[in-house]
């Protein structure tokens, strides 16, 4: 994923979590808010209780790969924070893909 599509600043993370809309399922929580830019931006967060660093990094790589393939044309553009839950450890890549895409399609 290109750098311009990534959110890394903690101020933006905090603002989205406090004021943004939230959708969730058993595997992910997504906070999102409309933005004035011409493209969507994503931030990925994995809590430390999920596992060691190599496990958390593997999950983040998988989610980034899914986002790279996913290009839904929204009427509006959004900043999204994706928080990965503990249940993602047991999923295969395809199950992870289906779960995240289904949740992203619910953003309106």
Protein backbone atom coordinates (compact mmCIF):
# COMPACT_ATOMS: atom_id res chain seq x y z
CA UNK A 1 0.00 0.00 0.00
CA UNK A 2 1.29 3.43 -0.94
CA UNK A 3 2.37 5.74 1.91
CA UNK A 4 -0.24 8.36 1.10
CA UNK A 5 -3.00 5.83 1.90
CA UNK A 6 -1.66 5.03 5.41
CA UNK A 7 -2.55 6.73 8.70
CA UNK A 8 0.27 6.66 11.25
CA UNK A 9 -0.23 9.76 13.40
CA UNK A 10 -1.57 9.00 16.87
CA UNK A 11 -3.58 12.26 16.88
CA UNK A 12 -5.63 11.04 13.93
CA UNK A 13 -6.06 7.60 15.54
CA UNK A 14 -7.34 9.20 18.76
CA UNK A 15 -9.64 11.61 16.92
CA UNK A 16 -11.20 8.83 14.83
CA UNK A 17 -11.73 6.57 17.82
CA UNK A 18 -13.37 9.36 19.85
CA UNK A 19 -15.51 11.02 17.18
CA UNK A 20 -15.80 8.56 14.30
CA UNK A 21 -18.51 6.07 13.46
CA UNK A 22 -17.95 2.44 14.39
CA UNK A 23 -18.86 -0.86 12.77
CA UNK A 24 -17.70 -4.22 14.04
CA UNK A 25 -17.96 -7.95 13.67
CA UNK A 26 -16.39 -10.87 15.49
CA UNK A 27 -12.96 -10.31 13.90
CA UNK A 28 -12.57 -6.55 13.35
CA UNK A 29 -13.62 -3.14 14.63
CA UNK A 30 -13.53 -0.29 12.11
CA UNK A 31 -13.74 3.37 13.09
CA UNK A 32 -14.35 5.66 10.11
CA UNK A 33 -14.97 9.30 9.37
CA UNK A 34 -15.56 11.20 6.18
CA UNK A 35 -12.64 13.19 4.81
CA UNK A 36 -12.17 15.88 2.15
CA UNK A 37 -9.31 14.10 0.36
CA UNK A 38 -9.77 12.27 -2.93
CA UNK A 39 -8.80 8.84 -1.59
CA UNK A 40 -9.39 6.58 1.41
CA UNK A 41 -6.76 6.30 4.13
CA UNK A 42 -6.35 3.31 6.43
CA UNK A 43 -4.68 2.72 9.77
CA UNK A 44 -4.21 -0.75 11.23
CA UNK A 45 -3.92 -1.52 14.94
CA UNK A 46 -3.24 -4.84 16.65
CA UNK A 47 -3.31 -5.03 20.47
CA UNK A 48 -0.31 -6.53 22.26
CA UNK A 49 -2.46 -9.17 23.94
CA UNK A 50 -2.90 -10.93 20.56
CA UNK A 51 0.62 -12.31 20.51
CA UNK A 52 4.27 -11.60 19.97
CA UNK A 53 5.49 -9.03 17.46
CA UNK A 54 5.92 -11.53 14.62
CA UNK A 55 2.29 -12.67 14.97
CA UNK A 56 0.98 -9.09 15.06
CA UNK A 57 3.10 -8.12 12.05
CA UNK A 58 1.84 -11.13 10.09
CA UNK A 59 -1.77 -10.08 10.70
CA UNK A 60 -1.00 -6.49 9.67
CA UNK A 61 0.69 -7.68 6.46
CA UNK A 62 -2.35 -9.78 5.61
CA UNK A 63 -4.76 -6.92 6.22
CA UNK A 64 -2.60 -4.57 4.11
CA UNK A 65 -2.61 -7.12 1.28
CA UNK A 66 -6.40 -7.37 1.47
CA UNK A 67 -6.72 -3.57 1.39
CA UNK A 68 -4.39 -3.37 -1.60
CA UNK A 69 -6.69 -5.69 -3.56
CA UNK A 70 -9.89 -4.03 -2.32
CA UNK A 71 -10.89 -0.97 -4.32
CA UNK A 72 -14.52 -0.08 -3.74
CA UNK A 73 -15.63 3.17 -5.33
CA UNK A 74 -17.24 5.12 -2.48
CA UNK A 75 -19.36 8.19 -3.10
CA UNK A 76 -17.41 9.80 -0.26
CA UNK A 77 -13.88 9.23 0.98
CA UNK A 78 -13.05 8.05 4.48
CA UNK A 79 -10.29 7.74 7.03
CA UNK A 80 -10.55 4.27 8.56
CA UNK A 81 -8.89 2.68 11.58
CA UNK A 82 -9.01 -1.12 11.53
CA UNK A 83 -8.53 -2.83 14.88
CA UNK A 84 -7.84 -6.54 14.66
CA UNK A 85 -9.41 -8.77 17.29
CA UNK A 86 -8.03 -11.93 18.90
CA UNK A 87 -10.29 -14.25 16.87
CA UNK A 88 -8.28 -13.47 13.69
CA UNK A 89 -5.50 -15.79 14.86
CA UNK A 90 -7.57 -18.86 14.00
CA UNK A 91 -8.65 -17.71 10.53
CA UNK A 92 -7.16 -18.61 7.19
CA UNK A 93 -6.28 -15.84 4.75
CA UNK A 94 -9.48 -16.39 2.75
CA UNK A 95 -11.68 -16.24 5.86
CA UNK A 96 -9.88 -13.08 6.97
CA UNK A 97 -10.40 -11.59 3.51
CA UNK A 98 -14.12 -12.40 3.44
CA UNK A 99 -14.70 -11.02 6.93
CA UNK A 100 -12.88 -7.72 6.28
CA UNK A 101 -14.41 -7.14 2.84
CA UNK A 102 -17.90 -7.78 4.19
CA UNK A 103 -17.33 -5.22 6.93
CA UNK A 104 -15.80 -2.65 4.57
CA UNK A 105 -18.79 -2.95 2.25
CA UNK A 106 -21.05 -1.83 5.12
CA UNK A 107 -19.36 1.59 5.33
CA UNK A 108 -21.73 4.21 3.95
